[in-house]
Amino acid sequence: TSQADAERFLGHGPAPLRVVAFEAAWLSRVR
């Protein structure tokens, strides 16, 4: 992972172990 991609997608602070992204239409089903 490049530094630029890390900053773009994970931010400048401590990065999460993983990002899990899904559509808002699925939020109630996930819950």
PDB file of all heavy atoms in Angstrom:
ATOM      1  N   THR A   1       0.832  -1.205   0.000  1.00  0.00           N
ATOM      2  CA  THR A   1       0.000   0.000   0.000  1.00  0.00           C
ATOM      3  C   THR A   1       0.868   1.257   0.000  1.00  0.00           C
ATOM      4  O   THR A   1       1.750   1.408   0.853  1.00  0.00           O
ATOM      5  CB  THR A   1      -0.944   0.016   1.216  1.00  0.00           C
ATOM      6  OG1 THR A   1      -1.768  -1.149   1.165  1.00  0.00           O
ATOM      7  CG2 THR A   1      -1.823   1.256   1.218  1.00  0.00           C
ATOM      8  N   SER A   2       0.591   2.139  -0.937  1.00  0.00           N
ATOM      9  CA  SER A   2       1.322   3.408  -1.007  1.00  0.00           C
ATOM     10  C   SER A   2       0.857   4.330   0.115  1.00  0.00           C
ATOM     11  O   SER A   2      -0.270   4.214   0.617  1.00  0.00           O
ATOM     12  CB  SER A   2       1.096   4.083  -2.358  1.00  0.00           C
ATOM     13  OG  SER A   2      -0.235   4.565  -2.462  1.00  0.00           O
ATOM     14  N   GLN A   3       1.715   5.257   0.487  1.00  0.00           N
ATOM     15  CA  GLN A   3       1.361   6.238   1.514  1.00  0.00           C
ATOM     16  C   GLN A   3       0.166   7.072   1.053  1.00  0.00           C
ATOM     17  O   GLN A   3      -0.741   7.362   1.833  1.00  0.00           O
ATOM     18  CB  GLN A   3       2.565   7.137   1.830  1.00  0.00           C
ATOM     19  CG  GLN A   3       2.310   8.088   2.974  1.00  0.00           C
ATOM     20  CD  GLN A   3       2.051   7.384   4.301  1.00  0.00           C
ATOM     21  OE1 GLN A   3       2.551   6.288   4.561  1.00  0.00           O
ATOM     22  NE2 GLN A   3       1.242   7.998   5.150  1.00  0.00           N
ATOM     23  N   ALA A   4       0.145   7.433  -0.230  1.00  0.00           N
ATOM     24  CA  ALA A   4      -0.961   8.234  -0.763  1.00  0.00           C
ATOM     25  C   ALA A   4      -2.290   7.486  -0.645  1.00  0.00           C
ATOM     26  O   ALA A   4      -3.307   8.070  -0.244  1.00  0.00           O
ATOM     27  CB  ALA A   4      -0.686   8.619  -2.217  1.00  0.00           C
ATOM     28  N   ASP A   5      -2.299   6.190  -0.980  1.00  0.00           N
ATOM     29  CA  ASP A   5      -3.542   5.409  -0.864  1.00  0.00           C
ATOM     30  C   ASP A   5      -3.939   5.234   0.596  1.00  0.00           C
ATOM     31  O   ASP A   5      -5.127   5.292   0.926  1.00  0.00           O
ATOM     32  CB  ASP A   5      -3.397   4.047  -1.542  1.00  0.00           C
ATOM     33  CG  ASP A   5      -3.546   4.120  -3.047  1.00  0.00           C
ATOM     34  OD1 ASP A   5      -4.034   5.147  -3.572  1.00  0.00           O
ATOM     35  OD2 ASP A   5      -3.181   3.137  -3.719  1.00  0.00           O
ATOM     36  N   ALA A   6      -2.975   5.021   1.462  1.00  0.00           N
ATOM     37  CA  ALA A   6      -3.281   4.873   2.892  1.00  0.00           C
ATOM     38  C   ALA A   6      -3.950   6.146   3.404  1.00  0.00           C
ATOM     39  O   ALA A   6      -4.976   6.081   4.101  1.00  0.00           O
ATOM     40  CB  ALA A   6      -2.023   4.565   3.684  1.00  0.00           C
ATOM     41  N   GLU A   7      -3.418   7.303   3.058  1.00  0.00           N
ATOM     42  CA  GLU A   7      -4.006   8.562   3.513  1.00  0.00           C
ATOM     43  C   GLU A   7      -5.363   8.798   2.873  1.00  0.00           C
ATOM     44  O   GLU A   7      -6.298   9.246   3.538  1.00  0.00           O
ATOM     45  CB  GLU A   7      -3.052   9.715   3.218  1.00  0.00           C
ATOM     46  CG  GLU A   7      -1.823   9.685   4.101  1.00  0.00           C
ATOM     47  CD  GLU A   7      -0.804  10.755   3.757  1.00  0.00           C
ATOM     48  OE1 GLU A   7      -1.076  11.621   2.903  1.00  0.00           O
ATOM     49  OE2 GLU A   7       0.284  10.721   4.366  1.00  0.00           O
ATOM     50  N   ARG A   8      -5.499   8.487   1.590  1.00  0.00           N
ATOM     51  CA  ARG A   8      -6.760   8.722   0.876  1.00  0.00           C
ATOM     52  C   ARG A   8      -7.904   7.871   1.427  1.00  0.00           C
ATOM     53  O   ARG A   8      -9.013   8.354   1.632  1.00  0.00           O
ATOM     54  CB  ARG A   8      -6.567   8.417  -0.609  1.00  0.00           C
ATOM     55  CG  ARG A   8      -7.824   8.556  -1.414  1.00  0.00           C
ATOM     56  CD  ARG A   8      -7.582   8.260  -2.878  1.00  0.00           C
ATOM     57  NE  ARG A   8      -8.842   8.299  -3.613  1.00  0.00           N
ATOM     58  CZ  ARG A   8      -9.028   7.738  -4.769  1.00  0.00           C
ATOM     59  NH1 ARG A   8      -8.044   7.114  -5.381  1.00  0.00           N
ATOM     60  NH2 ARG A   8     -10.207   7.805  -5.359  1.00  0.00           N
ATOM     61  N   PHE A   9      -7.630   6.604   1.681  1.00  0.00           N
ATOM     62  CA  PHE A   9      -8.700   5.675   2.060  1.00  0.00           C
ATOM     63  C   PHE A   9      -8.792   5.401   3.561  1.00  0.00           C
ATOM     64  O   PHE A   9      -9.842   4.996   4.047  1.00  0.00           O
ATOM     65  CB  PHE A   9      -8.529   4.345   1.322  1.00  0.00           C
ATOM     66  CG  PHE A   9      -8.714   4.453  -0.159  1.00  0.00           C
ATOM     67  CD1 PHE A   9      -7.624   4.555  -1.001  1.00  0.00           C
ATOM     68  CD2 PHE A   9      -9.988   4.472  -0.712  1.00  0.00           C
ATOM     69  CE1 PHE A   9      -7.795   4.658  -2.380  1.00  0.00           C
ATOM     70  CE2 PHE A   9     -10.176   4.579  -2.082  1.00  0.00           C
ATOM     71  CZ  PHE A   9      -9.074   4.678  -2.915  1.00  0.00           C
ATOM     72  N   LEU A  10      -7.684   5.567   4.281  1.00  0.00           N
ATOM     73  CA  LEU A  10      -7.655   5.186   5.695  1.00  0.00           C
ATOM     74  C   LEU A  10      -7.427   6.371   6.625  1.00  0.00           C
ATOM     75  O   LEU A  10      -7.520   6.214   7.840  1.00  0.00           O
ATOM     76  CB  LEU A  10      -6.572   4.124   5.928  1.00  0.00           C
ATOM     77  CG  LEU A  10      -6.725   2.856   5.075  1.00  0.00           C
ATOM     78  CD1 LEU A  10      -5.496   1.971   5.200  1.00  0.00           C
ATOM     79  CD2 LEU A  10      -7.982   2.102   5.469  1.00  0.00           C
ATOM     80  N   GLY A  11      -7.108   7.535   6.072  1.00  0.00           N
ATOM     81  CA  GLY A  11      -6.906   8.733   6.874  1.00  0.00           C
ATOM     82  C   GLY A  11      -5.476   8.877   7.350  1.00  0.00           C
ATOM     83  O   GLY A  11      -4.592   8.082   7.015  1.00  0.00           O
ATOM     84  N   HIS A  12      -5.256   9.917   8.164  1.00  0.00           N
ATOM     85  CA  HIS A  12      -3.902  10.237   8.626  1.00  0.00           C
ATOM     86  C   HIS A  12      -3.579   9.634   9.983  1.00  0.00           C
ATOM     87  O   HIS A  12      -2.428   9.502  10.340  1.00  0.00           O
ATOM     88  CB  HIS A  12      -3.714  11.760   8.686  1.00  0.00           C
ATOM     89  CG  HIS A  12      -3.804  12.400   7.335  1.00  0.00           C
ATOM     90  ND1 HIS A  12      -2.781  12.367   6.423  1.00  0.00           N
ATOM     91  CD2 HIS A  12      -4.821  13.071   6.730  1.00  0.00           C
ATOM     92  CE1 HIS A  12      -3.144  12.989   5.327  1.00  0.00           C
ATOM     93  NE2 HIS A  12      -4.387  13.435   5.475  1.00  0.00           N
ATOM     94  N   GLY A  13      -4.592   9.269  10.741  1.00  0.00           N
ATOM     95  CA  GLY A  13      -4.363   8.713  12.073  1.00  0.00           C
ATOM     96  C   GLY A  13      -4.102   7.222  11.998  1.00  0.00           C
ATOM     97  O   GLY A  13      -3.826   6.675  10.924  1.00  0.00           O
ATOM     98  N   PRO A  14      -4.206   6.554  13.142  1.00  0.00           N
ATOM     99  CA  PRO A  14      -4.021   5.099  13.123  1.00  0.00           C
ATOM    100  C   PRO A  14      -5.123   4.452  12.284  1.00  0.00           C
ATOM    101  O   PRO A  14      -6.306   4.729  12.473  1.00  0.00           O
ATOM    102  CB  PRO A  14      -4.116   4.690  14.585  1.00  0.00           C
ATOM    103  CG  PRO A  14      -4.693   5.856  15.301  1.00  0.00           C
ATOM    104  CD  PRO A  14      -4.494   7.077  14.454  1.00  0.00           C
ATOM    105  N   ALA A  15      -4.710   3.650  11.340  1.00  0.00           N
ATOM    106  CA  ALA A  15      -5.659   3.026  10.416  1.00  0.00           C
ATOM    107  C   ALA A  15      -6.399   1.881  11.094  1.00  0.00           C
ATOM    108  O   ALA A  15      -5.826   1.175  11.926  1.00  0.00           O
ATOM    109  CB  ALA A  15      -4.923   2.501   9.188  1.00  0.00           C
ATOM    110  N   PRO A  16      -7.674   1.697  10.733  1.00  0.00           N
ATOM    111  CA  PRO A  16      -8.383   0.515  11.227  1.00  0.00           C
ATOM    112  C   PRO A  16      -7.742  -0.736  10.636  1.00  0.00           C
ATOM    113  O   PRO A  16      -7.079  -0.665   9.594  1.00  0.00           O
ATOM    114  CB  PRO A  16      -9.805   0.708  10.711  1.00  0.00           C
ATOM    115  CG  PRO A  16      -9.656   1.588   9.513  1.00  0.00           C
ATOM    116  CD  PRO A  16      -8.475   2.473   9.793  1.00  0.00           C
ATOM    117  N   LEU A  17      -7.932  -1.870  11.293  1.00  0.00           N
ATOM    118  CA  LEU A  17      -7.422  -3.117  10.726  1.00  0.00           C
ATOM    119  C   LEU A  17      -8.056  -3.380   9.371  1.00  0.00           C
ATOM    120  O   LEU A  17      -7.416  -3.888   8.454  1.00  0.00           O
ATOM    121  CB  LEU A  17      -7.704  -4.284  11.667  1.00  0.00           C
ATOM    122  CG  LEU A  17      -6.968  -4.260  12.990  1.00  0.00           C
ATOM    123  CD1 LEU A  17      -7.408  -5.430  13.857  1.00  0.00           C
ATOM    124  CD2 LEU A  17      -5.471  -4.296  12.766  1.00  0.00           C
ATOM    125  N   ARG A  18      -9.328  -3.026   9.249  1.00  0.00           N
ATOM    126  CA  ARG A  18     -10.088  -3.303   8.035  1.00  0.00           C
ATOM    127  C   ARG A  18     -11.217  -2.299   7.934  1.00  0.00           C
ATOM    128  O   ARG A  18     -11.755  -1.855   8.953  1.00  0.00           O
ATOM    129  CB  ARG A  18     -10.680  -4.720   8.138  1.00  0.00           C
ATOM    130  CG  ARG A  18     -11.075  -5.325   6.852  1.00  0.00           C
ATOM    131  CD  ARG A  18      -9.857  -5.889   6.151  1.00  0.00           C
ATOM    132  NE  ARG A  18     -10.232  -6.481   4.892  1.00  0.00           N
ATOM    133  CZ  ARG A  18      -9.396  -6.582   3.889  1.00  0.00           C
ATOM    134  NH1 ARG A  18      -8.172  -6.151   3.988  1.00  0.00           N
ATOM    135  NH2 ARG A  18      -9.780  -7.132   2.770  1.00  0.00           N
ATOM    136  N   VAL A  19     -11.575  -1.938   6.726  1.00  0.00           N
ATOM    137  CA  VAL A  19     -12.774  -1.159   6.468  1.00  0.00           C
ATOM    138  C   VAL A  19     -13.762  -2.104   5.800  1.00  0.00           C
ATOM    139  O   VAL A  19     -13.389  -2.857   4.889  1.00  0.00           O
ATOM    140  CB  VAL A  19     -12.499   0.058   5.564  1.00  0.00           C
ATOM    141  CG1 VAL A  19     -13.802   0.743   5.165  1.00  0.00           C
ATOM    142  CG2 VAL A  19     -11.559   1.038   6.258  1.00  0.00           C
ATOM    143  N   VAL A  20     -14.996  -2.090   6.252  1.00  0.00           N
ATOM    144  CA  VAL A  20     -16.072  -2.864   5.642  1.00  0.00           C
ATOM    145  C   VAL A  20     -17.143  -1.849   5.243  1.00  0.00           C
ATOM    146  O   VAL A  20     -17.711  -1.177   6.100  1.00  0.00           O
ATOM    147  CB  VAL A  20     -16.645  -3.925   6.594  1.00  0.00           C
ATOM    148  CG1 VAL A  20     -17.817  -4.657   5.950  1.00  0.00           C
ATOM    149  CG2 VAL A  20     -15.555  -4.917   7.010  1.00  0.00           C
ATOM    150  N   ALA A  21     -17.362  -1.715   3.932  1.00  0.00           N
ATOM    151  CA  ALA A  21     -18.307  -0.725   3.414  1.00  0.00           C
ATOM    152  C   ALA A  21     -19.427  -1.432   2.656  1.00  0.00           C
ATOM    153  O   ALA A  21     -19.178  -2.374   1.899  1.00  0.00           O
ATOM    154  CB  ALA A  21     -17.577   0.244   2.493  1.00  0.00           C
ATOM    155  N   PHE A  22     -20.659  -0.963   2.884  1.00  0.00           N
ATOM    156  CA  PHE A  22     -21.807  -1.536   2.179  1.00  0.00           C
ATOM    157  C   PHE A  22     -22.845  -0.442   1.975  1.00  0.00           C
ATOM    158  O   PHE A  22     -22.776   0.635   2.584  1.00  0.00           O
ATOM    159  CB  PHE A  22     -22.394  -2.738   2.938  1.00  0.00           C
ATOM    160  CG  PHE A  22     -22.751  -2.452   4.366  1.00  0.00           C
ATOM    161  CD1 PHE A  22     -23.989  -1.902   4.697  1.00  0.00           C
ATOM    162  CD2 PHE A  22     -21.855  -2.729   5.388  1.00  0.00           C
ATOM    163  CE1 PHE A  22     -24.323  -1.636   6.013  1.00  0.00           C
ATOM    164  CE2 PHE A  22     -22.182  -2.460   6.710  1.00  0.00           C
ATOM    165  CZ  PHE A  22     -23.422  -1.917   7.023  1.00  0.00           C
ATOM    166  N   GLU A  23     -23.811  -0.722   1.121  1.00  0.00           N
ATOM    167  CA  GLU A  23     -24.842   0.248   0.787  1.00  0.00           C
ATOM    168  C   GLU A  23     -25.785   0.509   1.957  1.00  0.00           C
ATOM    169  O   GLU A  23     -26.131  -0.418   2.708  1.00  0.00           O
ATOM    170  CB  GLU A  23     -25.676  -0.246  -0.393  1.00  0.00           C
ATOM    171  CG  GLU A  23     -24.922  -0.289  -1.690  1.00  0.00           C
ATOM    172  CD  GLU A  23     -25.743  -0.896  -2.814  1.00  0.00           C
ATOM    173  OE1 GLU A  23     -26.390  -1.945  -2.600  1.00  0.00           O
ATOM    174  OE2 GLU A  23     -25.736  -0.301  -3.904  1.00  0.00           O
ATOM    175  N   ALA A  24     -26.267   1.741   2.049  1.00  0.00           N
ATOM    176  CA  ALA A  24     -27.221   2.119   3.094  1.00  0.00           C
ATOM    177  C   ALA A  24     -28.480   1.261   3.031  1.00  0.00           C
ATOM    178  O   ALA A  24     -29.083   0.972   4.072  1.00  0.00           O
ATOM    179  CB  ALA A  24     -27.572   3.602   2.964  1.00  0.00           C
ATOM    180  N   ALA A  25     -28.857   0.822   1.847  1.00  0.00           N
ATOM    181  CA  ALA A  25     -30.056  -0.015   1.698  1.00  0.00           C
ATOM    182  C   ALA A  25     -29.930  -1.324   2.472  1.00  0.00           C
ATOM    183  O   ALA A  25     -30.941  -1.961   2.772  1.00  0.00           O
ATOM    184  CB  ALA A  25     -30.311  -0.303   0.218  1.00  0.00           C
ATOM    185  N   TRP A  26     -28.723  -1.726   2.825  1.00  0.00           N
ATOM    186  CA  TRP A  26     -28.491  -2.980   3.556  1.00  0.00           C
ATOM    187  C   TRP A  26     -28.376  -2.774   5.067  1.00  0.00           C
ATOM    188  O   TRP A  26     -28.294  -3.744   5.815  1.00  0.00           O
ATOM    189  CB  TRP A  26     -27.223  -3.654   3.036  1.00  0.00           C
ATOM    190  CG  TRP A  26     -27.477  -4.420   1.791  1.00  0.00           C
ATOM    191  CD1 TRP A  26     -27.472  -3.943   0.501  1.00  0.00           C
ATOM    192  CD2 TRP A  26     -27.803  -5.793   1.699  1.00  0.00           C
ATOM    193  NE1 TRP A  26     -27.782  -4.943  -0.370  1.00  0.00           N
ATOM    194  CE2 TRP A  26     -27.991  -6.104   0.339  1.00  0.00           C
ATOM    195  CE3 TRP A  26     -27.972  -6.803   2.639  1.00  0.00           C
ATOM    196  CZ2 TRP A  26     -28.322  -7.372  -0.102  1.00  0.00           C
ATOM    197  CZ3 TRP A  26     -28.299  -8.073   2.196  1.00  0.00           C
ATOM    198  CH2 TRP A  26     -28.471  -8.342   0.836  1.00  0.00           C
ATOM    199  N   LEU A  27     -28.369  -1.546   5.519  1.00  0.00           N
ATOM    200  CA  LEU A  27     -28.093  -1.295   6.931  1.00  0.00           C
ATOM    201  C   LEU A  27     -29.085  -1.992   7.862  1.00  0.00           C
ATOM    202  O   LEU A  27     -28.674  -2.639   8.835  1.00  0.00           O
ATOM    203  CB  LEU A  27     -28.062   0.210   7.215  1.00  0.00           C
ATOM    204  CG  LEU A  27     -27.703   0.603   8.646  1.00  0.00           C
ATOM    205  CD1 LEU A  27     -26.357   0.022   9.081  1.00  0.00           C
ATOM    206  CD2 LEU A  27     -27.705   2.126   8.774  1.00  0.00           C
ATOM    207  N   SER A  28     -30.372  -1.907   7.585  1.00  0.00           N
ATOM    208  CA  SER A  28     -31.329  -2.552   8.496  1.00  0.00           C
ATOM    209  C   SER A  28     -31.143  -4.064   8.500  1.00  0.00           C
ATOM    210  O   SER A  28     -31.235  -4.706   9.547  1.00  0.00           O
ATOM    211  CB  SER A  28     -32.770  -2.176   8.148  1.00  0.00           C
ATOM    212  OG  SER A  28     -33.101  -2.639   6.866  1.00  0.00           O
ATOM    213  N   ARG A  29     -30.861  -4.642   7.357  1.00  0.00           N
ATOM    214  CA  ARG A  29     -30.636  -6.094   7.304  1.00  0.00           C
ATOM    215  C   ARG A  29     -29.368  -6.482   8.064  1.00  0.00           C
ATOM    216  O   ARG A  29     -29.332  -7.510   8.753  1.00  0.00           O
ATOM    217  CB  ARG A  29     -30.577  -6.555   5.855  1.00  0.00           C
ATOM    218  CG  ARG A  29     -30.715  -8.037   5.768  1.00  0.00           C
ATOM    219  CD  ARG A  29     -31.297  -8.516   4.472  1.00  0.00           C
ATOM    220  NE  ARG A  29     -30.942  -9.920   4.374  1.00  0.00           N
ATOM    221  CZ  ARG A  29     -30.581 -10.540   3.292  1.00  0.00           C
ATOM    222  NH1 ARG A  29     -30.559  -9.908   2.150  1.00  0.00           N
ATOM    223  NH2 ARG A  29     -30.248 -11.794   3.320  1.00  0.00           N
ATOM    224  N   VAL A  30     -28.319  -5.674   7.951  1.00  0.00           N
ATOM    225  CA  VAL A  30     -27.089  -5.936   8.713  1.00  0.00           C
ATOM    226  C   VAL A  30     -27.396  -5.882  10.208  1.00  0.00           C
ATOM    227  O   VAL A  30     -26.934  -6.724  10.966  1.00  0.00           O
ATOM    228  CB  VAL A  30     -25.972  -4.942   8.324  1.00  0.00           C
ATOM    229  CG1 VAL A  30     -24.798  -5.013   9.295  1.00  0.00           C
ATOM    230  CG2 VAL A  30     -25.502  -5.197   6.893  1.00  0.00           C
ATOM    231  N   ARG A  31     -28.202  -4.918  10.608  1.00  0.00           N
ATOM    232  CA  ARG A  31     -28.551  -4.779  12.030  1.00  0.00           C
ATOM    233  C   ARG A  31     -29.424  -5.923  12.536  1.00  0.00           C
ATOM    234  O   ARG A  31     -29.342  -6.307  13.694  1.00  0.00           O
ATOM    235  CB  ARG A  31     -29.287  -3.466  12.259  1.00  0.00           C
ATOM    236  CG  ARG A  31     -28.416  -2.268  12.238  1.00  0.00           C
ATOM    237  CD  ARG A  31     -29.219  -1.023  12.582  1.00  0.00           C
ATOM    238  NE  ARG A  31     -28.330   0.110  12.759  1.00  0.00           N
ATOM    239  CZ  ARG A  31     -28.623   1.336  12.364  1.00  0.00           C
ATOM    240  NH1 ARG A  31     -29.777   1.597  11.798  1.00  0.00           N
ATOM    241  NH2 ARG A  31     -27.763   2.302  12.562  1.00  0.00           N
TER     242      ARG A  31
END
